[in-house]
Amino acid sequence: MSHSTAATADDAPPPAGGGPRTPIDRFFDLTGRGTTVARELRGGVTTFFAMAYIILLNPIILGGAKDVTGATLSIPQLTTMTALSAAIATIIMGLVGNAPLAVAAGLGINAVVAFQAAPVMTWPQAMGLVVLEGCVIVLLAVSGVRERIMNAIPLSLKHAIAVGIGCFIALVGLVDSGFVTSSDQSPPLALGTGGHLQTWPVVVFAFSLVLMIVLYVRKVPGAILIGIIAATVLAVVIQANASIPQGGWGIVTPDMPDRLFAVPDFGLFGNVDLFGAFGQAGVITALVVLFTLVLSGFFDAMGTILGISDEAGLVNERGEVPRLGRILTVDGVSAALGGVTSSSANTVFVESAAGVGEGARTGLANLATGALFAVTLFLTPLAAVVPAQAAAPALVLVGALMMTQVAKLDWSDLGVAIPAFLTIVFMPFTYSITIGIGMGVVSYAAIKAARGQWREVSVWLWPVVVLFLLFFAISPIEEWLGVK
């Protein structure tokens, strides 16, 4: 028996109609989606390890900012709220949306809260705007508007979004690991330090990436998860025996903690002033912040949902995602929950693609991811052991897998090729899924109009084009309105 056959024999989904289905199988439709409990749980664990950094990074971003009164948020309390919010939102998404889409505090959105909202209002007022953002997104979802907008996006752009997210998460992995570094000089990106790979953390990244690739192409179940664990062990050994400068690993240093357990602090829960921002910062300023939050949350999640669902094989021939209405509603509720917990707006994480790469196809994977987030409420010291260099290779590998969808695009048609290209390149080049989608949608509509085919653009897409034009012009609009 070959290695790959032996490794996957117990992992193969049961044949349709091959016997009675268990309650878990029926609830999550495991057989219908060609997956198993073992594969889903393994995918959920992999997703957790790929995104566990948010438990540490989100408190650093929010805790490093001051509100209009000079107040700061407690790092321990933020850590607890980030883990709690992610656990609840991810589990709800799994049970209601039945999709392998993990949810946690969104990067980019938390920066808006920390550096755009907080300086002109109090923290409770800023979190009140986050709650309102979630409510707006829920209203758009339950009214069917958000689903109509997503379905109005042409199939070619949906494939391009998946490819663009693949490029984006690959770049995120390369930069977070230090394998690629940024610079204020030319070129803006470079290999390692000064164009050379010369640090132990980079060795760990390279080891993890090569191991994952070898195991994955050999079809070893758990290839990505095995790579993360093996690289973490190597990182701990290196950290204990090598002289690595402070911050050499990035956010997480792989030191064995002196204690495993920590008591969670729920002090920030419910610390929200729903409408106070409009009085404190002014109606126009508060509305601009709210508009930015809604647009970023709306389209970041939309792109991620489409891209990962496409990669998981859940998108039908018309480009539609099953249970989309439920998924979008849960996404809005999750955003509001982030405000209630003062952890910033939650959104679907692109790192969910790591679990999909391990075979996750249903919401059962989310139960594993959410359970691990819940456990980290008490094990935050242990969660701080896995460095980016161990987990980031998963993003690079999955990025390569998502890139294969570029073959679905008709590059001979400039009406498809140009919007697809702009969508793909602007996501990594601007570090924003939202901007990539905006460039693709606006250019698609512009080309159709230039060809006299503007009627072929869905009526639901034109308002989106206008919103993106407003989004791109937000700075001069703010200046015109006198908003500082």
Protein backbone atom coordinates (compact mmCIF):
# COMPACT_ATOMS: atom_id res chain seq x y z
CA MET A 1 0.00 0.00 0.00
CA SER A 2 1.39 3.42 -0.93
CA HIS A 3 2.12 6.05 1.67
CA SER A 4 -0.62 8.40 0.49
CA THR A 5 -3.22 5.63 0.43
CA ALA A 6 -2.35 4.49 3.90
CA ALA A 7 -2.41 8.02 5.20
CA THR A 8 -5.84 8.82 3.84
CA ALA A 9 -7.69 5.54 4.23
CA ASP A 10 -9.42 6.54 7.47
CA ASP A 11 -9.86 10.07 6.20
CA ALA A 12 -11.91 9.32 3.11
CA PRO A 13 -15.55 10.44 3.17
CA PRO A 14 -18.13 7.67 3.18
CA PRO A 15 -19.81 6.98 -0.15
CA ALA A 16 -23.20 8.63 -0.65
CA GLY A 17 -26.01 6.32 0.33
CA GLY A 18 -23.53 3.91 1.89
CA GLY A 19 -25.30 3.63 5.22
CA PRO A 20 -27.05 5.62 7.95
CA ARG A 21 -25.68 9.08 8.57
CA THR A 22 -24.82 10.30 12.05
CA PRO A 23 -26.53 13.39 13.51
CA ILE A 24 -23.31 15.39 13.05
CA ASP A 25 -23.10 14.26 9.42
CA ARG A 26 -26.70 15.30 8.77
CA PHE A 27 -26.41 18.65 10.57
CA PHE A 28 -23.23 19.75 8.78
CA ASP A 29 -23.83 17.70 5.58
CA LEU A 30 -20.38 16.14 5.80
CA THR A 31 -21.14 13.44 3.23
CA GLY A 32 -22.71 15.93 0.83
CA ARG A 33 -19.58 18.09 0.95
CA GLY A 34 -17.21 15.13 0.71
CA THR A 35 -15.54 15.49 4.09
CA THR A 36 -15.19 13.74 7.45
CA VAL A 37 -15.21 14.64 11.13
CA ALA A 38 -11.46 14.05 11.37
CA ARG A 39 -10.73 16.27 8.39
CA GLU A 40 -12.98 19.06 9.70
CA LEU A 41 -11.45 19.01 13.17
CA ARG A 42 -7.94 18.99 11.76
CA GLY A 43 -8.81 21.91 9.49
CA GLY A 44 -10.30 23.83 12.42
CA VAL A 45 -7.18 23.34 14.53
CA THR A 46 -5.00 24.45 11.62
CA THR A 47 -7.07 27.62 11.15
CA PHE A 48 -6.70 28.42 14.85
CA PHE A 49 -2.92 28.14 14.75
CA ALA A 50 -2.80 30.26 11.59
CA MET A 51 -4.79 33.10 13.21
CA ALA A 52 -3.96 32.74 16.92
CA TYR A 53 -1.63 35.73 16.58
CA ILE A 54 -4.68 38.00 16.67
CA ILE A 55 -5.03 37.26 20.40
CA LEU A 56 -1.72 39.06 20.92
CA LEU A 57 -1.70 41.54 18.02
CA ASN A 58 -5.16 43.05 18.51
CA PRO A 59 -4.45 44.11 22.13
CA ILE A 60 -1.14 45.63 20.99
CA ILE A 61 -2.87 47.76 18.33
CA LEU A 62 -5.81 48.88 20.48
CA GLY A 63 -3.80 49.09 23.70
CA GLY A 64 -1.19 51.30 22.07
CA ALA A 65 -3.68 54.07 21.25
CA LYS A 66 -5.25 56.75 23.43
CA ASP A 67 -8.74 58.16 23.22
CA VAL A 68 -9.69 61.84 23.30
CA THR A 69 -9.30 61.88 27.10
CA GLY A 70 -5.89 60.23 27.00
CA ALA A 71 -7.25 56.94 28.35
CA THR A 72 -5.84 53.58 27.21
CA LEU A 73 -7.36 50.10 27.25
CA SER A 74 -5.97 47.32 29.45
CA ILE A 75 -3.86 44.78 27.52
CA PRO A 76 -4.93 41.80 29.72
CA GLN A 77 -8.59 42.79 29.36
CA LEU A 78 -8.22 43.23 25.59
CA THR A 79 -6.57 39.81 25.34
CA THR A 80 -9.50 38.21 27.15
CA MET A 81 -12.09 40.05 25.07
CA THR A 82 -10.33 39.25 21.77
CA ALA A 83 -10.31 35.52 22.54
CA LEU A 84 -13.88 35.53 23.91
CA SER A 85 -15.28 37.45 20.96
CA ALA A 86 -13.50 35.23 18.44
CA ALA A 87 -14.70 32.06 20.17
CA ILE A 88 -18.36 33.11 20.23
CA ALA A 89 -18.44 34.54 16.71
CA THR A 90 -16.59 31.59 15.14
CA ILE A 91 -18.85 29.00 16.77
CA ILE A 92 -22.01 30.89 15.74
CA MET A 93 -20.73 31.07 12.16
CA GLY A 94 -20.16 27.32 12.19
CA LEU A 95 -23.58 26.47 13.59
CA VAL A 96 -25.65 28.98 11.62
CA GLY A 97 -23.65 29.46 8.41
CA ASN A 98 -22.18 25.93 8.18
CA ALA A 99 -19.07 27.32 6.52
CA PRO A 100 -15.36 26.94 7.47
CA LEU A 101 -15.04 30.69 8.03
CA ALA A 102 -13.39 31.63 11.32
CA VAL A 103 -14.14 35.07 12.75
CA ALA A 104 -12.07 37.42 14.92
CA ALA A 105 -11.10 41.07 15.33
CA GLY A 106 -10.32 42.37 11.86
CA LEU A 107 -6.93 43.87 11.09
CA GLY A 108 -7.33 47.20 9.36
CA ILE A 109 -10.70 47.74 10.98
CA ASN A 110 -9.06 47.80 14.43
CA ALA A 111 -6.62 50.39 13.09
CA VAL A 112 -9.55 52.61 12.06
CA VAL A 113 -10.94 52.29 15.58
CA ALA A 114 -7.58 52.95 17.26
CA PHE A 115 -6.18 55.74 15.09
CA GLN A 116 -9.20 57.38 13.43
CA ALA A 117 -12.04 57.02 15.95
CA ALA A 118 -10.39 56.99 19.39
CA PRO A 119 -8.45 60.29 19.03
CA VAL A 120 -11.72 62.23 18.65
CA MET A 121 -13.96 60.32 21.06
CA THR A 122 -13.83 58.06 24.12
CA TRP A 123 -13.22 54.32 23.88
CA PRO A 124 -16.83 53.43 24.79
CA GLN A 125 -18.05 55.85 22.11
CA ALA A 126 -15.69 54.34 19.51
CA MET A 127 -16.94 50.87 20.37
CA GLY A 128 -20.48 52.22 20.09
CA LEU A 129 -19.75 53.03 16.44
CA VAL A 130 -18.48 49.46 15.99
CA VAL A 131 -21.81 48.16 17.33
CA LEU A 132 -23.66 50.47 14.94
CA GLU A 133 -21.49 49.22 12.08
CA GLY A 134 -22.53 45.67 12.88
CA CYS A 135 -26.17 46.69 13.03
CA VAL A 136 -25.96 48.36 9.60
CA ILE A 137 -24.36 45.24 8.12
CA VAL A 138 -27.05 43.05 9.70
CA LEU A 139 -29.78 45.25 8.20
CA LEU A 140 -28.12 45.01 4.78
CA ALA A 141 -27.95 41.23 5.20
CA VAL A 142 -31.49 40.52 6.44
CA SER A 143 -32.97 42.85 3.84
CA GLY A 144 -31.22 40.84 1.14
CA VAL A 145 -29.31 43.87 -0.18
CA ARG A 146 -25.89 42.49 0.72
CA GLU A 147 -26.61 39.11 -0.89
CA ARG A 148 -27.88 40.81 -4.04
CA ILE A 149 -24.71 42.88 -4.25
CA MET A 150 -22.53 39.79 -3.85
CA ASN A 151 -24.51 37.89 -6.48
CA ALA A 152 -24.32 40.93 -8.80
CA ILE A 153 -20.53 40.68 -8.95
CA PRO A 154 -19.65 38.81 -12.16
CA LEU A 155 -18.22 35.30 -11.80
CA SER A 156 -14.91 36.38 -13.35
CA LEU A 157 -14.38 38.96 -10.60
CA LYS A 158 -15.27 36.38 -7.96
CA HIS A 159 -12.49 34.14 -9.24
CA ALA A 160 -10.15 37.14 -9.35
CA ILE A 161 -11.03 37.95 -5.74
CA ALA A 162 -10.02 34.42 -4.72
CA VAL A 163 -6.71 34.75 -6.60
CA GLY A 164 -6.10 38.22 -5.15
CA ILE A 165 -6.70 36.95 -1.63
CA GLY A 166 -4.22 34.16 -2.33
CA CYS A 167 -1.57 36.75 -3.30
CA PHE A 168 -2.53 38.88 -0.31
CA ILE A 169 -2.26 36.16 2.32
CA ALA A 170 1.00 34.90 0.78
CA LEU A 171 2.49 38.39 1.12
CA VAL A 172 1.14 38.66 4.67
CA GLY A 173 2.89 35.39 5.51
CA LEU A 174 6.18 36.45 3.91
CA VAL A 175 6.21 39.84 5.65
CA ASP A 176 5.02 38.61 9.07
CA SER A 177 7.76 35.97 9.07
CA GLY A 178 10.51 38.42 8.12
CA PHE A 179 11.31 36.47 4.95
CA VAL A 180 10.37 39.64 3.08
CA THR A 181 10.89 43.03 4.70
CA SER A 182 9.62 46.52 3.92
CA SER A 183 11.67 49.65 3.53
CA ASP A 184 11.18 53.38 3.08
CA GLN A 185 13.83 53.29 0.39
CA SER A 186 13.89 51.62 -3.02
CA PRO A 187 12.92 48.86 -3.48
CA PRO A 188 10.01 49.00 -1.01
CA LEU A 189 10.26 45.23 -0.40
CA ALA A 190 13.38 43.14 -0.08
CA LEU A 191 14.47 39.62 0.77
CA GLY A 192 15.24 39.11 4.47
CA THR A 193 17.54 41.69 6.06
CA GLY A 194 19.27 43.94 3.54
CA GLY A 195 18.53 41.53 0.73
CA HIS A 196 19.95 38.50 2.55
CA LEU A 197 18.52 35.66 4.65
CA GLN A 198 20.64 35.66 7.76
CA THR A 199 18.55 35.12 10.90
CA TRP A 200 17.39 32.05 12.82
CA PRO A 201 13.69 33.03 12.61
CA VAL A 202 13.96 32.99 8.80
CA VAL A 203 15.49 29.49 9.04
CA VAL A 204 12.42 28.37 10.98
CA PHE A 205 10.14 29.87 8.32
CA ALA A 206 12.03 28.13 5.51
CA PHE A 207 12.01 24.81 7.39
CA SER A 208 8.26 25.06 8.04
CA LEU A 209 7.44 26.02 4.43
CA VAL A 210 9.53 23.24 2.88
CA LEU A 211 8.14 20.67 5.32
CA MET A 212 4.55 21.73 4.60
CA ILE A 213 5.08 21.59 0.83
CA VAL A 214 6.71 18.16 0.96
CA LEU A 215 4.01 16.72 3.21
CA TYR A 216 1.22 18.35 1.22
CA VAL A 217 2.34 17.09 -2.19
CA ARG A 218 2.76 13.65 -0.59
CA LYS A 219 -0.91 13.99 0.48
CA VAL A 220 -0.11 13.48 4.16
CA PRO A 221 -3.19 14.36 6.24
CA GLY A 222 -2.47 17.28 8.55
CA ALA A 223 0.48 18.49 6.46
CA ILE A 224 -0.01 22.14 7.37
CA LEU A 225 -0.70 21.45 11.04
CA ILE A 226 2.32 19.14 11.29
CA GLY A 227 4.48 21.85 9.75
CA ILE A 228 3.29 24.46 12.25
CA ILE A 229 3.89 22.20 15.25
CA ALA A 230 7.30 20.98 14.07
CA ALA A 231 8.46 24.52 13.32
CA THR A 232 7.23 25.73 16.72
CA VAL A 233 9.28 23.04 18.46
CA LEU A 234 12.32 24.03 16.40
CA ALA A 235 11.75 27.71 17.24
CA VAL A 236 11.55 26.96 20.98
CA VAL A 237 14.83 24.99 20.80
CA ILE A 238 16.56 27.77 18.84
CA GLN A 239 15.29 30.48 21.19
CA ALA A 240 16.62 28.55 24.18
CA ASN A 241 20.08 28.07 22.69
CA ALA A 242 20.75 31.03 20.38
CA SER A 243 21.26 34.71 21.06
CA ILE A 244 18.38 36.38 19.24
CA PRO A 245 17.84 40.12 19.82
CA GLN A 246 14.65 41.42 21.37
CA GLY A 247 11.91 41.53 18.76
CA GLY A 248 13.83 39.26 16.40
CA TRP A 249 10.86 36.91 16.15
CA GLY A 250 8.31 39.69 15.74
CA ILE A 251 5.22 39.84 17.93
CA VAL A 252 5.54 36.35 19.43
CA THR A 253 8.81 35.09 20.95
CA PRO A 254 8.82 31.26 21.28
CA ASP A 255 9.79 31.12 24.95
CA MET A 256 8.35 28.35 27.06
CA PRO A 257 6.02 30.16 29.49
CA ASP A 258 6.70 30.04 33.23
CA ARG A 259 3.01 29.28 33.73
CA LEU A 260 0.32 27.68 31.60
CA PHE A 261 -2.81 29.24 33.06
CA ALA A 262 -4.04 32.81 33.38
CA VAL A 263 -7.26 34.12 34.89
CA PRO A 264 -9.34 35.94 32.22
CA ASP A 265 -10.39 39.54 32.90
CA PHE A 266 -13.84 40.40 31.53
CA GLY A 267 -13.78 44.04 32.69
CA LEU A 268 -14.32 45.55 29.23
CA PHE A 269 -17.45 43.58 28.40
CA GLY A 270 -20.42 45.86 27.70
CA ASN A 271 -18.41 49.08 28.10
CA VAL A 272 -20.21 50.80 25.21
CA ASP A 273 -21.69 54.26 24.58
CA LEU A 274 -23.88 53.69 21.54
CA PHE A 275 -24.53 57.24 20.31
CA GLY A 276 -22.10 59.34 22.33
CA ALA A 277 -19.66 59.70 19.41
CA PHE A 278 -22.07 61.97 17.53
CA GLY A 279 -22.05 64.46 20.39
CA GLN A 280 -18.38 64.15 21.29
CA ALA A 281 -16.81 64.22 17.81
CA GLY A 282 -19.64 65.84 15.82
CA VAL A 283 -22.18 64.28 13.50
CA ILE A 284 -20.11 64.57 10.30
CA THR A 285 -16.93 63.15 11.85
CA ALA A 286 -18.82 60.26 13.46
CA LEU A 287 -20.60 59.50 10.17
CA VAL A 288 -17.30 59.48 8.24
CA VAL A 289 -15.82 56.99 10.74
CA LEU A 290 -18.99 54.87 10.60
CA PHE A 291 -18.96 54.92 6.77
CA THR A 292 -15.31 53.79 6.75
CA LEU A 293 -16.05 50.99 9.21
CA VAL A 294 -19.10 49.75 7.28
CA LEU A 295 -17.41 49.82 3.89
CA SER A 296 -14.25 48.10 5.13
CA GLY A 297 -16.18 45.48 7.10
CA PHE A 298 -18.69 44.90 4.29
CA PHE A 299 -16.25 44.30 1.45
CA ASP A 300 -13.37 42.74 3.39
CA ALA A 301 -15.71 40.02 4.61
CA MET A 302 -17.43 39.73 1.23
CA GLY A 303 -14.15 39.15 -0.57
CA THR A 304 -12.95 36.64 2.01
CA ILE A 305 -16.23 34.73 1.99
CA LEU A 306 -16.23 34.50 -1.80
CA GLY A 307 -12.55 33.63 -2.09
CA ILE A 308 -12.46 30.94 0.57
CA SER A 309 -15.82 29.45 -0.43
CA ASP A 310 -14.56 29.23 -4.01
CA GLU A 311 -11.35 27.54 -2.83
CA ALA A 312 -13.40 25.09 -0.73
CA GLY A 313 -15.53 24.18 -3.75
CA LEU A 314 -18.71 25.54 -2.16
CA VAL A 315 -19.54 28.05 -4.92
CA ASN A 316 -22.00 26.75 -7.51
CA GLU A 317 -21.80 27.26 -11.27
CA ARG A 318 -23.62 30.61 -10.95
CA GLY A 319 -21.05 31.84 -8.43
CA GLU A 320 -23.44 31.57 -5.46
CA VAL A 321 -22.44 30.52 -1.94
CA PRO A 322 -24.76 28.19 0.04
CA ARG A 323 -26.43 29.73 3.11
CA LEU A 324 -25.03 33.11 2.07
CA GLY A 325 -27.80 35.05 3.77
CA ARG A 326 -27.07 33.38 7.10
CA ILE A 327 -23.32 33.82 6.70
CA LEU A 328 -23.70 37.54 6.01
CA THR A 329 -26.07 38.02 8.95
CA VAL A 330 -23.68 36.26 11.33
CA ASP A 331 -20.86 38.43 9.99
CA GLY A 332 -22.81 41.55 10.96
CA VAL A 333 -23.74 40.18 14.38
CA SER A 334 -20.09 39.28 14.93
CA ALA A 335 -19.00 42.83 14.10
CA ALA A 336 -21.44 44.21 16.68
CA LEU A 337 -20.22 41.65 19.22
CA GLY A 338 -16.71 43.05 18.75
CA GLY A 339 -18.00 46.44 19.87
CA VAL A 340 -19.79 44.98 22.88
CA THR A 341 -16.56 43.27 23.97
CA SER A 342 -14.38 46.33 23.11
CA SER A 343 -12.20 44.11 20.91
CA SER A 344 -13.08 46.03 17.70
CA ALA A 345 -15.23 44.71 14.86
CA ASN A 346 -14.99 41.00 14.13
CA THR A 347 -14.80 39.82 10.54
CA VAL A 348 -14.14 36.63 8.58
CA PHE A 349 -10.42 35.84 8.59
CA VAL A 350 -8.47 35.05 5.43
CA GLU A 351 -6.45 32.61 7.53
CA SER A 352 -9.50 30.34 7.34
CA ALA A 353 -7.96 29.35 4.03
CA ALA A 354 -5.31 27.41 5.98
CA GLY A 355 -8.02 25.13 7.36
CA VAL A 356 -9.60 24.80 3.93
CA GLY A 357 -6.18 23.73 2.67
CA GLU A 358 -6.36 20.92 5.22
CA GLY A 359 -9.75 19.82 3.89
CA ALA A 360 -12.25 21.81 6.00
CA ARG A 361 -15.52 22.22 4.12
CA THR A 362 -18.20 22.79 6.79
CA GLY A 363 -18.98 24.68 9.97
CA LEU A 364 -17.78 21.74 12.04
CA ALA A 365 -14.24 23.05 11.56
CA ASN A 366 -15.38 26.29 13.22
CA LEU A 367 -16.37 24.43 16.36
CA ALA A 368 -12.78 23.25 16.75
CA THR A 369 -11.39 26.72 16.05
CA GLY A 370 -13.87 28.39 18.39
CA ALA A 371 -13.26 25.85 21.15
CA LEU A 372 -9.52 26.54 20.99
CA PHE A 373 -10.16 30.28 21.23
CA ALA A 374 -12.29 29.59 24.31
CA VAL A 375 -9.53 27.48 25.83
CA THR A 376 -7.01 30.29 25.28
CA LEU A 377 -9.04 32.43 27.68
CA PHE A 378 -7.23 30.43 30.35
CA LEU A 379 -4.09 29.45 28.39
CA THR A 380 -2.95 32.79 26.98
CA PRO A 381 0.67 32.14 28.07
CA LEU A 382 0.75 28.93 25.99
CA ALA A 383 -0.88 30.66 23.00
CA ALA A 384 2.07 33.04 22.97
CA VAL A 385 4.55 30.27 22.05
CA VAL A 386 3.77 29.84 18.33
CA PRO A 387 5.81 32.43 16.37
CA ALA A 388 4.78 33.89 13.02
CA GLN A 389 7.65 32.00 11.37
CA ALA A 390 5.94 28.70 12.21
CA ALA A 391 2.39 29.63 11.14
CA ALA A 392 3.03 32.04 8.25
CA PRO A 393 4.19 29.32 5.79
CA ALA A 394 0.61 28.01 5.85
CA LEU A 395 -0.50 31.29 4.29
CA VAL A 396 2.13 31.04 1.57
CA LEU A 397 1.19 27.46 0.68
CA VAL A 398 -2.54 28.18 0.68
CA GLY A 399 -1.87 31.31 -1.39
CA ALA A 400 -0.26 29.10 -4.01
CA LEU A 401 -3.30 26.81 -4.00
CA MET A 402 -5.70 29.75 -4.40
CA MET A 403 -3.62 31.10 -7.28
CA THR A 404 -4.60 28.06 -9.38
CA GLN A 405 -8.03 29.65 -9.87
CA VAL A 406 -6.42 32.14 -12.24
CA ALA A 407 -6.92 29.45 -14.93
CA LYS A 408 -10.69 30.05 -14.72
CA LEU A 409 -10.33 33.58 -16.12
CA ASP A 410 -10.66 34.42 -19.83
CA TRP A 411 -7.54 36.51 -20.35
CA SER A 412 -8.35 37.02 -24.06
CA ASP A 413 -11.26 39.32 -23.11
CA LEU A 414 -9.95 42.69 -21.89
CA GLY A 415 -13.29 43.32 -20.21
CA VAL A 416 -12.43 40.39 -17.95
CA ALA A 417 -8.63 40.59 -17.92
CA ILE A 418 -8.17 44.21 -16.82
CA PRO A 419 -10.64 44.22 -13.88
CA ALA A 420 -9.33 40.79 -12.80
CA PHE A 421 -5.73 41.99 -12.96
CA LEU A 422 -6.47 45.13 -10.97
CA THR A 423 -8.38 43.12 -8.37
CA ILE A 424 -5.53 40.64 -8.00
CA VAL A 425 -2.61 43.07 -7.80
CA PHE A 426 -4.18 45.79 -5.67
CA MET A 427 -4.97 43.43 -2.79
CA PRO A 428 -1.32 42.67 -1.98
CA PHE A 429 0.05 46.01 -3.25
CA THR A 430 -2.24 48.05 -0.97
CA TYR A 431 -2.54 45.42 1.79
CA SER A 432 -6.32 45.70 1.50
CA ILE A 433 -8.97 43.31 0.22
CA THR A 434 -11.47 46.17 0.11
CA ILE A 435 -9.33 48.31 -2.21
CA GLY A 436 -8.72 45.34 -4.51
CA ILE A 437 -12.45 44.69 -4.84
CA GLY A 438 -13.08 48.39 -5.39
CA MET A 439 -10.56 48.66 -8.22
CA GLY A 440 -12.01 45.57 -9.88
CA VAL A 441 -15.65 46.67 -9.61
CA VAL A 442 -15.03 50.26 -10.76
CA SER A 443 -12.86 49.21 -13.72
CA TYR A 444 -15.36 46.50 -14.73
CA ALA A 445 -18.22 49.01 -14.81
CA ALA A 446 -16.07 51.61 -16.58
CA ILE A 447 -15.09 49.17 -19.35
CA LYS A 448 -18.68 48.04 -19.83
CA ALA A 449 -19.81 51.66 -20.08
CA ALA A 450 -17.00 52.50 -22.52
CA ARG A 451 -18.12 49.64 -24.75
CA GLY A 452 -21.72 50.78 -24.63
CA GLN A 453 -22.62 47.72 -22.59
CA TRP A 454 -23.57 49.50 -19.39
CA ARG A 455 -26.91 47.69 -19.32
CA GLU A 456 -25.00 44.43 -18.77
CA VAL A 457 -23.87 45.74 -15.37
CA SER A 458 -26.32 44.67 -12.67
CA VAL A 459 -28.45 47.45 -11.25
CA TRP A 460 -27.17 46.40 -7.81
CA LEU A 461 -23.55 47.01 -8.85
CA TRP A 462 -23.85 50.68 -9.82
CA PRO A 463 -24.49 51.90 -6.22
CA VAL A 464 -21.41 49.89 -5.20
CA VAL A 465 -19.37 51.71 -7.85
CA VAL A 466 -20.54 55.06 -6.45
CA LEU A 467 -19.70 53.99 -2.88
CA PHE A 468 -16.21 52.97 -3.90
CA LEU A 469 -15.66 56.25 -5.72
CA LEU A 470 -16.67 58.04 -2.52
CA PHE A 471 -14.37 55.76 -0.53
CA PHE A 472 -11.39 56.48 -2.76
CA ALA A 473 -12.11 60.22 -2.55
CA ILE A 474 -12.75 60.25 1.21
CA SER A 475 -9.76 62.49 2.06
CA PRO A 476 -10.68 65.40 -0.25
CA ILE A 477 -14.31 64.99 0.80
CA GLU A 478 -13.29 65.28 4.45
CA GLU A 479 -11.22 68.35 3.64
CA TRP A 480 -14.14 69.90 1.72
CA LEU A 481 -16.49 69.23 4.66
CA GLY A 482 -13.97 70.62 7.13
CA VAL A 483 -13.57 67.28 8.94
CA LYS A 484 -10.15 66.91 10.59
